[in-house]
N, C-alpha and C. Protein backbone atom coordinates (compact mmCIF):
# COMPACT_ATOMS: atom_id res chain seq x y z
N MET A 1 0.86 -1.17 0.00
CA MET A 1 0.00 0.00 0.00
C MET A 1 0.90 1.23 0.00
N THR A 2 0.64 2.16 -0.88
CA THR A 2 1.41 3.40 -0.91
C THR A 2 0.83 4.37 0.10
N SER A 3 1.63 5.40 0.43
CA SER A 3 1.13 6.40 1.37
C SER A 3 -0.08 7.10 0.79
N ARG A 4 -0.13 7.24 -0.52
CA ARG A 4 -1.29 7.86 -1.18
C ARG A 4 -2.55 7.05 -0.91
N ASP A 5 -2.45 5.72 -1.05
CA ASP A 5 -3.60 4.86 -0.80
C ASP A 5 -3.98 4.84 0.68
N ALA A 6 -2.98 4.82 1.56
CA ALA A 6 -3.25 4.76 2.99
C ALA A 6 -4.00 5.99 3.47
N ALA A 7 -3.79 7.12 2.80
CA ALA A 7 -4.44 8.36 3.22
C ALA A 7 -5.95 8.34 2.98
N VAL A 8 -6.42 7.46 2.10
CA VAL A 8 -7.84 7.48 1.75
C VAL A 8 -8.55 6.16 1.99
N TRP A 9 -7.83 5.14 2.41
CA TRP A 9 -8.44 3.82 2.52
C TRP A 9 -8.36 3.29 3.93
N PRO A 10 -9.40 2.73 4.47
CA PRO A 10 -10.71 2.53 3.84
C PRO A 10 -11.63 3.73 4.11
N PRO A 11 -12.48 4.02 3.15
CA PRO A 11 -13.46 5.08 3.38
C PRO A 11 -14.65 4.52 4.17
N GLU A 12 -15.50 5.40 4.61
CA GLU A 12 -16.77 4.97 5.19
C GLU A 12 -17.56 4.26 4.09
N PRO A 13 -18.46 3.33 4.45
CA PRO A 13 -19.29 2.71 3.42
C PRO A 13 -20.03 3.78 2.61
N ILE A 14 -20.15 3.52 1.32
CA ILE A 14 -20.86 4.41 0.41
C ILE A 14 -22.25 3.83 0.19
N ARG A 15 -23.26 4.61 0.47
CA ARG A 15 -24.63 4.14 0.31
C ARG A 15 -25.27 4.82 -0.89
N THR A 16 -25.93 4.01 -1.72
CA THR A 16 -26.70 4.52 -2.84
C THR A 16 -28.17 4.21 -2.55
N GLU A 17 -29.01 4.42 -3.53
CA GLU A 17 -30.44 4.15 -3.34
C GLU A 17 -30.69 2.70 -2.94
N ARG A 18 -29.96 1.76 -3.57
CA ARG A 18 -30.21 0.34 -3.32
C ARG A 18 -29.02 -0.43 -2.78
N LEU A 19 -27.83 0.14 -2.86
CA LEU A 19 -26.61 -0.61 -2.60
C LEU A 19 -25.76 0.00 -1.50
N VAL A 20 -24.82 -0.82 -1.02
CA VAL A 20 -23.77 -0.35 -0.12
C VAL A 20 -22.45 -0.80 -0.74
N LEU A 21 -21.50 0.12 -0.86
CA LEU A 21 -20.14 -0.19 -1.27
C LEU A 21 -19.28 -0.10 -0.01
N ARG A 22 -18.57 -1.19 0.29
CA ARG A 22 -17.82 -1.26 1.54
C ARG A 22 -16.59 -2.13 1.34
N VAL A 23 -15.73 -2.14 2.36
CA VAL A 23 -14.56 -3.01 2.31
C VAL A 23 -15.01 -4.46 2.48
N ALA A 24 -14.18 -5.37 2.04
CA ALA A 24 -14.49 -6.80 2.13
C ALA A 24 -14.43 -7.28 3.58
N GLU A 25 -15.24 -8.29 3.85
CA GLU A 25 -15.29 -8.95 5.15
C GLU A 25 -15.22 -10.46 4.93
N ALA A 26 -14.97 -11.20 6.00
CA ALA A 26 -14.87 -12.66 5.90
C ALA A 26 -16.14 -13.28 5.31
N ARG A 27 -17.30 -12.70 5.60
CA ARG A 27 -18.56 -13.26 5.09
C ARG A 27 -18.69 -13.17 3.57
N ASP A 28 -17.80 -12.41 2.91
CA ASP A 28 -17.85 -12.26 1.45
C ASP A 28 -17.11 -13.37 0.72
N ARG A 29 -16.34 -14.17 1.43
CA ARG A 29 -15.50 -15.19 0.79
C ARG A 29 -16.30 -16.13 -0.13
N PRO A 30 -17.42 -16.71 0.32
CA PRO A 30 -18.15 -17.61 -0.58
C PRO A 30 -18.61 -16.92 -1.88
N ARG A 31 -19.04 -15.68 -1.79
CA ARG A 31 -19.49 -14.96 -2.98
C ARG A 31 -18.32 -14.59 -3.88
N CYS A 32 -17.16 -14.27 -3.30
CA CYS A 32 -15.98 -13.99 -4.12
C CYS A 32 -15.58 -15.24 -4.90
N ILE A 33 -15.67 -16.39 -4.26
CA ILE A 33 -15.38 -17.65 -4.94
C ILE A 33 -16.40 -17.88 -6.05
N ASP A 34 -17.68 -17.68 -5.76
CA ASP A 34 -18.73 -17.82 -6.78
C ASP A 34 -18.44 -16.92 -7.98
N LEU A 35 -18.02 -15.69 -7.72
CA LEU A 35 -17.75 -14.72 -8.77
C LEU A 35 -16.63 -15.22 -9.68
N SER A 36 -15.53 -15.65 -9.11
CA SER A 36 -14.39 -16.10 -9.90
C SER A 36 -14.60 -17.46 -10.55
N ALA A 37 -15.50 -18.28 -10.00
CA ALA A 37 -15.77 -19.61 -10.55
C ALA A 37 -16.88 -19.61 -11.60
N SER A 38 -17.58 -18.50 -11.74
CA SER A 38 -18.72 -18.45 -12.65
C SER A 38 -18.30 -18.45 -14.13
N PRO A 39 -18.79 -19.40 -14.91
CA PRO A 39 -18.47 -19.40 -16.34
C PRO A 39 -19.00 -18.15 -17.04
N GLU A 40 -20.17 -17.66 -16.61
CA GLU A 40 -20.74 -16.46 -17.23
C GLU A 40 -19.88 -15.24 -16.95
N VAL A 41 -19.45 -15.07 -15.71
CA VAL A 41 -18.60 -13.94 -15.34
C VAL A 41 -17.26 -14.06 -16.06
N GLY A 42 -16.73 -15.26 -16.16
CA GLY A 42 -15.43 -15.48 -16.77
C GLY A 42 -15.36 -15.33 -18.27
N THR A 43 -16.50 -15.19 -18.93
CA THR A 43 -16.53 -15.13 -20.39
C THR A 43 -15.55 -14.11 -20.96
N TYR A 44 -15.47 -12.93 -20.39
CA TYR A 44 -14.63 -11.86 -20.95
C TYR A 44 -13.43 -11.51 -20.08
N VAL A 45 -13.16 -12.32 -19.07
CA VAL A 45 -12.02 -12.04 -18.20
C VAL A 45 -11.10 -13.25 -18.05
N GLY A 46 -10.97 -14.01 -19.11
CA GLY A 46 -10.03 -15.12 -19.10
C GLY A 46 -10.59 -16.46 -18.67
N GLY A 47 -11.89 -16.55 -18.46
CA GLY A 47 -12.51 -17.82 -18.11
C GLY A 47 -12.69 -18.00 -16.61
N ALA A 48 -13.57 -18.91 -16.29
CA ALA A 48 -13.82 -19.25 -14.88
C ALA A 48 -12.61 -19.96 -14.31
N GLN A 49 -12.37 -19.75 -13.04
CA GLN A 49 -11.30 -20.45 -12.35
C GLN A 49 -11.89 -21.67 -11.64
N PRO A 50 -11.13 -22.75 -11.55
CA PRO A 50 -11.65 -23.94 -10.88
C PRO A 50 -11.98 -23.66 -9.41
N ARG A 51 -13.18 -24.03 -9.01
CA ARG A 51 -13.64 -23.78 -7.64
C ARG A 51 -12.69 -24.39 -6.61
N GLU A 52 -12.17 -25.59 -6.88
CA GLU A 52 -11.26 -26.24 -5.93
C GLU A 52 -10.02 -25.39 -5.70
N ASP A 53 -9.48 -24.81 -6.78
CA ASP A 53 -8.30 -23.94 -6.65
C ASP A 53 -8.64 -22.69 -5.85
N LEU A 54 -9.81 -22.14 -6.09
CA LEU A 54 -10.24 -20.94 -5.38
C LEU A 54 -10.44 -21.22 -3.89
N GLU A 55 -11.00 -22.37 -3.58
CA GLU A 55 -11.22 -22.73 -2.16
C GLU A 55 -9.89 -22.76 -1.40
N ARG A 56 -8.83 -23.18 -2.09
CA ARG A 56 -7.51 -23.22 -1.45
C ARG A 56 -6.84 -21.85 -1.44
N ALA A 57 -7.07 -21.04 -2.47
CA ALA A 57 -6.30 -19.81 -2.65
C ALA A 57 -6.93 -18.54 -2.06
N VAL A 58 -8.24 -18.45 -2.06
CA VAL A 58 -8.89 -17.22 -1.60
C VAL A 58 -8.71 -17.09 -0.09
N PRO A 59 -8.17 -15.95 0.36
CA PRO A 59 -7.94 -15.78 1.80
C PRO A 59 -9.26 -15.67 2.58
N ALA A 60 -9.16 -15.78 3.88
CA ALA A 60 -10.34 -15.72 4.74
C ALA A 60 -11.12 -14.43 4.53
N VAL A 61 -10.40 -13.33 4.32
CA VAL A 61 -11.04 -12.06 3.98
C VAL A 61 -10.51 -11.67 2.61
N PRO A 62 -11.30 -11.89 1.56
CA PRO A 62 -10.83 -11.62 0.20
C PRO A 62 -10.82 -10.12 -0.11
N GLY A 63 -10.07 -9.77 -1.15
CA GLY A 63 -10.11 -8.40 -1.65
C GLY A 63 -9.64 -7.34 -0.69
N GLN A 64 -8.71 -7.68 0.19
CA GLN A 64 -8.24 -6.69 1.16
C GLN A 64 -7.12 -5.88 0.55
N ARG A 65 -7.51 -4.88 -0.23
CA ARG A 65 -6.54 -3.95 -0.81
C ARG A 65 -7.25 -2.63 -1.09
N PRO A 66 -6.51 -1.56 -1.07
CA PRO A 66 -7.12 -0.26 -1.34
C PRO A 66 -7.83 -0.24 -2.68
N GLY A 67 -9.01 0.31 -2.69
CA GLY A 67 -9.78 0.47 -3.92
C GLY A 67 -10.71 -0.68 -4.24
N PHE A 68 -10.73 -1.73 -3.43
CA PHE A 68 -11.60 -2.87 -3.68
C PHE A 68 -12.87 -2.70 -2.85
N PHE A 69 -13.96 -2.40 -3.54
CA PHE A 69 -15.26 -2.24 -2.88
C PHE A 69 -16.10 -3.48 -3.11
N VAL A 70 -16.64 -4.05 -2.06
CA VAL A 70 -17.69 -5.06 -2.18
C VAL A 70 -18.98 -4.30 -2.43
N VAL A 71 -19.78 -4.80 -3.36
CA VAL A 71 -21.09 -4.20 -3.63
C VAL A 71 -22.13 -5.13 -2.99
N GLU A 72 -22.90 -4.55 -2.08
CA GLU A 72 -23.85 -5.31 -1.28
C GLU A 72 -25.28 -4.86 -1.60
N LEU A 73 -26.16 -5.82 -1.75
CA LEU A 73 -27.60 -5.58 -1.93
C LEU A 73 -28.31 -6.36 -0.83
N ASP A 74 -29.11 -5.67 -0.04
CA ASP A 74 -29.87 -6.32 1.04
C ASP A 74 -28.99 -7.21 1.91
N GLY A 75 -27.78 -6.73 2.23
CA GLY A 75 -26.89 -7.45 3.14
C GLY A 75 -26.06 -8.55 2.52
N THR A 76 -26.16 -8.75 1.19
CA THR A 76 -25.42 -9.83 0.53
C THR A 76 -24.58 -9.27 -0.62
N MET A 77 -23.36 -9.74 -0.73
CA MET A 77 -22.47 -9.33 -1.81
C MET A 77 -23.03 -9.78 -3.16
N ILE A 78 -23.09 -8.85 -4.12
CA ILE A 78 -23.51 -9.20 -5.48
C ILE A 78 -22.41 -8.92 -6.51
N GLY A 79 -21.34 -8.29 -6.08
CA GLY A 79 -20.25 -7.99 -7.00
C GLY A 79 -19.19 -7.16 -6.33
N CYS A 80 -18.29 -6.64 -7.16
CA CYS A 80 -17.21 -5.79 -6.65
C CYS A 80 -16.84 -4.74 -7.68
N VAL A 81 -16.31 -3.65 -7.18
CA VAL A 81 -15.79 -2.57 -8.00
C VAL A 81 -14.38 -2.28 -7.49
N GLN A 82 -13.44 -2.13 -8.42
CA GLN A 82 -12.05 -1.83 -8.07
C GLN A 82 -11.67 -0.51 -8.72
N LEU A 83 -11.00 0.35 -7.96
CA LEU A 83 -10.74 1.67 -8.52
C LEU A 83 -9.37 2.25 -8.22
N LEU A 84 -8.60 1.73 -7.33
CA LEU A 84 -7.29 2.32 -7.08
C LEU A 84 -6.15 1.57 -7.76
N ASP A 85 -6.45 0.47 -8.44
CA ASP A 85 -5.39 -0.22 -9.17
C ASP A 85 -4.87 0.71 -10.25
N ARG A 86 -3.56 0.72 -10.42
CA ARG A 86 -2.93 1.59 -11.42
C ARG A 86 -2.59 0.75 -12.65
N ARG A 87 -2.82 1.29 -13.82
CA ARG A 87 -2.52 0.58 -15.06
C ARG A 87 -1.01 0.58 -15.30
N PRO A 88 -0.40 -0.60 -15.33
CA PRO A 88 1.06 -0.67 -15.50
C PRO A 88 1.52 -0.07 -16.83
N ALA A 89 2.67 0.57 -16.80
CA ALA A 89 3.21 1.25 -17.98
C ALA A 89 3.51 0.29 -19.12
N ASP A 90 3.77 -0.99 -18.83
CA ASP A 90 4.12 -1.93 -19.89
C ASP A 90 2.91 -2.53 -20.60
N ARG A 91 1.70 -2.19 -20.17
CA ARG A 91 0.49 -2.65 -20.86
C ARG A 91 0.06 -1.61 -21.88
N PRO A 92 -0.58 -2.04 -22.95
CA PRO A 92 -1.06 -1.05 -23.92
C PRO A 92 -2.21 -0.23 -23.35
N GLY A 93 -2.40 0.96 -23.91
CA GLY A 93 -3.50 1.81 -23.52
C GLY A 93 -3.15 2.74 -22.37
N HIS A 94 -2.85 3.98 -22.70
CA HIS A 94 -2.54 4.98 -21.68
C HIS A 94 -2.96 6.35 -22.17
N VAL A 95 -3.23 7.25 -21.22
CA VAL A 95 -3.54 8.64 -21.55
C VAL A 95 -2.57 9.60 -20.87
N LEU A 96 -1.75 9.11 -19.95
CA LEU A 96 -0.75 9.93 -19.29
C LEU A 96 0.64 9.46 -19.73
N PRO A 97 1.59 10.37 -19.86
CA PRO A 97 2.96 9.95 -20.16
C PRO A 97 3.44 8.99 -19.07
N GLY A 98 3.89 7.83 -19.45
CA GLY A 98 4.36 6.85 -18.47
C GLY A 98 3.26 5.99 -17.88
N GLY A 99 2.01 6.25 -18.24
CA GLY A 99 0.91 5.43 -17.74
C GLY A 99 0.60 5.67 -16.28
N ASP A 100 0.28 4.62 -15.55
CA ASP A 100 -0.02 4.65 -14.12
C ASP A 100 -1.36 5.33 -13.80
N GLU A 101 -2.29 5.28 -14.75
CA GLU A 101 -3.61 5.84 -14.49
C GLU A 101 -4.42 4.91 -13.59
N ALA A 102 -5.35 5.48 -12.85
CA ALA A 102 -6.30 4.66 -12.09
C ALA A 102 -7.18 3.92 -13.10
N GLU A 103 -7.46 2.66 -12.83
CA GLU A 103 -8.25 1.85 -13.75
C GLU A 103 -9.48 1.29 -13.04
N LEU A 104 -10.64 1.52 -13.63
CA LEU A 104 -11.89 1.00 -13.10
C LEU A 104 -12.09 -0.44 -13.55
N GLY A 105 -12.45 -1.29 -12.62
CA GLY A 105 -12.81 -2.67 -12.92
C GLY A 105 -14.06 -3.04 -12.13
N TYR A 106 -14.85 -3.95 -12.65
CA TYR A 106 -16.07 -4.37 -11.97
C TYR A 106 -16.46 -5.76 -12.41
N MET A 107 -17.05 -6.52 -11.49
CA MET A 107 -17.59 -7.84 -11.79
C MET A 107 -18.81 -8.04 -10.89
N PHE A 108 -19.86 -8.59 -11.48
CA PHE A 108 -21.09 -8.86 -10.73
C PHE A 108 -21.55 -10.27 -11.01
N LEU A 109 -22.17 -10.88 -10.01
CA LEU A 109 -22.73 -12.21 -10.18
C LEU A 109 -23.85 -12.17 -11.21
N PRO A 110 -24.01 -13.21 -12.00
CA PRO A 110 -25.01 -13.20 -13.08
C PRO A 110 -26.42 -12.84 -12.65
N HIS A 111 -26.85 -13.25 -11.46
CA HIS A 111 -28.22 -12.92 -11.04
C HIS A 111 -28.41 -11.41 -10.83
N ALA A 112 -27.31 -10.66 -10.73
CA ALA A 112 -27.40 -9.21 -10.53
C ALA A 112 -27.34 -8.43 -11.84
N TRP A 113 -27.14 -9.13 -12.95
CA TRP A 113 -27.05 -8.45 -14.24
C TRP A 113 -28.43 -7.94 -14.69
N GLY A 114 -28.43 -6.84 -15.39
CA GLY A 114 -29.64 -6.32 -16.01
C GLY A 114 -30.55 -5.52 -15.08
N HIS A 115 -30.08 -5.18 -13.88
CA HIS A 115 -30.89 -4.43 -12.93
C HIS A 115 -30.36 -3.02 -12.67
N GLY A 116 -29.28 -2.64 -13.35
CA GLY A 116 -28.68 -1.33 -13.16
C GLY A 116 -27.76 -1.23 -11.95
N TYR A 117 -27.45 -2.35 -11.31
CA TYR A 117 -26.60 -2.32 -10.13
C TYR A 117 -25.17 -1.88 -10.47
N ALA A 118 -24.64 -2.38 -11.58
CA ALA A 118 -23.27 -2.01 -11.97
C ALA A 118 -23.17 -0.51 -12.22
N LEU A 119 -24.15 0.05 -12.91
CA LEU A 119 -24.16 1.50 -13.16
C LEU A 119 -24.23 2.26 -11.84
N GLU A 120 -25.12 1.85 -10.96
CA GLU A 120 -25.29 2.52 -9.67
C GLU A 120 -24.01 2.44 -8.83
N ALA A 121 -23.41 1.25 -8.76
CA ALA A 121 -22.21 1.06 -7.94
C ALA A 121 -21.01 1.80 -8.54
N CYS A 122 -20.82 1.69 -9.84
CA CYS A 122 -19.67 2.36 -10.47
C CYS A 122 -19.82 3.87 -10.41
N THR A 123 -21.02 4.39 -10.57
CA THR A 123 -21.25 5.83 -10.45
C THR A 123 -20.86 6.31 -9.06
N ALA A 124 -21.24 5.57 -8.03
CA ALA A 124 -20.90 5.94 -6.65
C ALA A 124 -19.38 5.87 -6.42
N ALA A 125 -18.75 4.81 -6.92
CA ALA A 125 -17.30 4.66 -6.74
C ALA A 125 -16.54 5.78 -7.48
N LEU A 126 -17.01 6.13 -8.68
CA LEU A 126 -16.36 7.20 -9.43
C LEU A 126 -16.54 8.56 -8.73
N ALA A 127 -17.70 8.80 -8.14
CA ALA A 127 -17.91 10.04 -7.40
C ALA A 127 -16.96 10.11 -6.21
N TRP A 128 -16.79 8.98 -5.50
CA TRP A 128 -15.83 8.93 -4.40
C TRP A 128 -14.42 9.25 -4.91
N TYR A 129 -14.04 8.64 -6.03
CA TYR A 129 -12.70 8.86 -6.58
C TYR A 129 -12.51 10.32 -6.98
N ASP A 130 -13.49 10.89 -7.65
CA ASP A 130 -13.39 12.30 -8.07
C ASP A 130 -13.23 13.23 -6.87
N ALA A 131 -13.92 12.94 -5.79
CA ALA A 131 -13.81 13.78 -4.59
C ALA A 131 -12.47 13.58 -3.88
N THR A 132 -11.93 12.36 -3.97
CA THR A 132 -10.70 12.02 -3.28
C THR A 132 -9.46 12.43 -4.08
N PHE A 133 -9.53 12.27 -5.39
CA PHE A 133 -8.40 12.57 -6.28
C PHE A 133 -8.87 13.47 -7.42
N PRO A 134 -9.24 14.70 -7.13
CA PRO A 134 -9.77 15.57 -8.18
C PRO A 134 -8.74 15.80 -9.29
N GLY A 135 -9.25 15.86 -10.51
CA GLY A 135 -8.40 16.18 -11.65
C GLY A 135 -7.69 15.01 -12.30
N GLU A 136 -7.90 13.79 -11.82
CA GLU A 136 -7.21 12.64 -12.40
C GLU A 136 -8.11 11.88 -13.38
N PRO A 137 -7.57 11.51 -14.54
CA PRO A 137 -8.36 10.68 -15.46
C PRO A 137 -8.44 9.25 -14.93
N ILE A 138 -9.45 8.54 -15.38
CA ILE A 138 -9.63 7.13 -15.03
C ILE A 138 -9.77 6.37 -16.34
N VAL A 139 -9.17 5.19 -16.42
CA VAL A 139 -9.25 4.39 -17.64
C VAL A 139 -10.00 3.10 -17.36
N LEU A 140 -10.42 2.46 -18.43
CA LEU A 140 -11.18 1.21 -18.37
C LEU A 140 -10.87 0.43 -19.63
N THR A 141 -10.68 -0.86 -19.49
CA THR A 141 -10.45 -1.74 -20.64
C THR A 141 -11.46 -2.87 -20.58
N THR A 142 -12.07 -3.17 -21.72
CA THR A 142 -12.98 -4.30 -21.81
C THR A 142 -12.86 -4.91 -23.20
N GLN A 143 -13.19 -6.17 -23.30
CA GLN A 143 -13.19 -6.79 -24.63
C GLN A 143 -14.24 -6.12 -25.50
N LEU A 144 -13.89 -5.88 -26.73
CA LEU A 144 -14.81 -5.26 -27.67
C LEU A 144 -16.08 -6.12 -27.82
N ALA A 145 -15.95 -7.41 -27.66
CA ALA A 145 -17.10 -8.31 -27.78
C ALA A 145 -18.06 -8.22 -26.60
N ASN A 146 -17.67 -7.57 -25.51
CA ASN A 146 -18.49 -7.49 -24.31
C ASN A 146 -19.43 -6.27 -24.42
N ALA A 147 -20.49 -6.43 -25.17
CA ALA A 147 -21.43 -5.32 -25.44
C ALA A 147 -22.02 -4.72 -24.15
N PRO A 148 -22.44 -5.50 -23.16
CA PRO A 148 -22.97 -4.88 -21.94
C PRO A 148 -21.94 -3.99 -21.23
N SER A 149 -20.69 -4.43 -21.18
CA SER A 149 -19.65 -3.63 -20.53
C SER A 149 -19.38 -2.35 -21.33
N LEU A 150 -19.42 -2.43 -22.64
CA LEU A 150 -19.24 -1.23 -23.47
C LEU A 150 -20.37 -0.22 -23.23
N ARG A 151 -21.59 -0.70 -23.13
CA ARG A 151 -22.73 0.19 -22.85
C ARG A 151 -22.56 0.86 -21.49
N LEU A 152 -22.14 0.07 -20.49
CA LEU A 152 -21.92 0.63 -19.16
C LEU A 152 -20.81 1.68 -19.20
N ALA A 153 -19.72 1.41 -19.88
CA ALA A 153 -18.62 2.36 -19.96
C ALA A 153 -19.10 3.69 -20.54
N THR A 154 -19.92 3.62 -21.58
CA THR A 154 -20.45 4.84 -22.19
C THR A 154 -21.36 5.59 -21.23
N LYS A 155 -22.23 4.87 -20.53
CA LYS A 155 -23.12 5.51 -19.56
C LYS A 155 -22.33 6.17 -18.43
N LEU A 156 -21.17 5.62 -18.10
CA LEU A 156 -20.34 6.17 -17.04
C LEU A 156 -19.48 7.36 -17.50
N GLY A 157 -19.55 7.66 -18.79
CA GLY A 157 -18.81 8.80 -19.32
C GLY A 157 -17.45 8.49 -19.91
N PHE A 158 -17.16 7.22 -20.14
CA PHE A 158 -15.90 6.85 -20.77
C PHE A 158 -16.03 7.00 -22.28
N THR A 159 -14.98 7.49 -22.91
CA THR A 159 -14.94 7.61 -24.37
C THR A 159 -13.77 6.78 -24.88
N GLU A 160 -13.93 6.25 -26.07
CA GLU A 160 -12.89 5.40 -26.64
C GLU A 160 -11.63 6.21 -26.90
N ALA A 161 -10.50 5.65 -26.44
CA ALA A 161 -9.20 6.27 -26.66
C ALA A 161 -8.32 5.39 -27.56
N ALA A 162 -8.59 4.08 -27.57
CA ALA A 162 -7.78 3.18 -28.39
C ALA A 162 -8.45 1.80 -28.44
N ARG A 163 -7.98 1.02 -29.40
CA ARG A 163 -8.30 -0.41 -29.47
C ARG A 163 -6.99 -1.13 -29.69
N PHE A 164 -6.88 -2.31 -29.12
CA PHE A 164 -5.66 -3.09 -29.28
C PHE A 164 -5.97 -4.55 -28.98
N GLU A 165 -5.05 -5.39 -29.37
CA GLU A 165 -5.14 -6.82 -29.12
C GLU A 165 -4.42 -7.14 -27.81
N GLU A 166 -5.10 -7.84 -26.91
CA GLU A 166 -4.48 -8.27 -25.67
C GLU A 166 -5.26 -9.47 -25.16
N TYR A 167 -4.57 -10.41 -24.56
CA TYR A 167 -5.20 -11.63 -24.04
C TYR A 167 -5.97 -12.38 -25.12
N GLY A 168 -5.49 -12.30 -26.35
CA GLY A 168 -6.11 -13.04 -27.44
C GLY A 168 -7.43 -12.49 -27.93
N ALA A 169 -7.74 -11.24 -27.59
CA ALA A 169 -9.01 -10.64 -28.02
C ALA A 169 -8.81 -9.14 -28.24
N GLU A 170 -9.69 -8.57 -29.09
CA GLU A 170 -9.63 -7.13 -29.31
C GLU A 170 -10.20 -6.41 -28.09
N GLN A 171 -9.45 -5.43 -27.60
CA GLN A 171 -9.82 -4.69 -26.40
C GLN A 171 -10.26 -3.27 -26.76
N TRP A 172 -11.21 -2.78 -26.02
CA TRP A 172 -11.66 -1.38 -26.12
C TRP A 172 -11.08 -0.68 -24.90
N PHE A 173 -10.37 0.41 -25.14
CA PHE A 173 -9.74 1.17 -24.07
C PHE A 173 -10.40 2.54 -24.02
N GLY A 174 -10.99 2.86 -22.85
CA GLY A 174 -11.69 4.12 -22.71
C GLY A 174 -11.10 4.96 -21.60
N VAL A 175 -11.38 6.26 -21.68
CA VAL A 175 -10.92 7.20 -20.67
C VAL A 175 -12.08 8.05 -20.20
N ARG A 176 -12.07 8.35 -18.93
CA ARG A 176 -13.05 9.28 -18.34
C ARG A 176 -12.21 10.41 -17.78
N HIS A 177 -12.31 11.54 -18.43
CA HIS A 177 -11.52 12.69 -18.00
C HIS A 177 -12.11 13.28 -16.73
N PRO A 178 -11.31 14.00 -15.99
CA PRO A 178 -11.78 14.56 -14.72
C PRO A 178 -13.06 15.36 -14.87
N VAL A 179 -13.91 15.21 -13.89
CA VAL A 179 -15.16 15.96 -13.86
C VAL A 179 -14.82 17.34 -13.31
N PRO A 180 -15.21 18.41 -14.04
CA PRO A 180 -14.87 19.76 -13.55
C PRO A 180 -15.60 20.13 -12.27
C-alpha cells in the first residue's frame, strides 16, 4: 500500500439508493469464490477459475486492498468494483505519459445483471474517486465483444481512446476525464 492509498483507505461505506459499497469482510468469501468460478462472469475475463483452486487460494477475507469495494444488496455481496489499481506502464492503452492511471474494474454475479446495479455502484465509486483525487483521469479496458460492458462504460462517461489486441481478443480502451 502506498502512502497515497493509505491516506484514503478505507473510506466509510458508500450508500446509494439500493446498494452499499464497503470493504471486504470474511462473510464475502463464498461470494468472491462464486464470482471467480462463474463461467458467465469469466466469459470476458479469461474464463472461470476452478472452484477447488479458489477454495484453497482465496484468503479468509478476500479483496483486502485499497480500492476494492464489495457491492452489497440487502446485506449480501452481489459484486465488486475496483478503482485504485494503477494501469502498468508496460500494458497497452494509456492517456498519461508513463501510464499509471487509475483503472476501473467491476464484476457482478449473473443474477445481478440487467438491474442497473453495476451502473449505480460504479457511479458511486467514481464520485468517491473524483472527490478524493480531483483532476485525475480514469481508464477502463474491456473486450470489444463485451457489449454490456461497453454500454456501461459509455453511460459512465468513458470515451474510446484506443483499441488493441491483448489476451487473445480485441480490447476497447476508454478514458473518463476529470469531472470539472
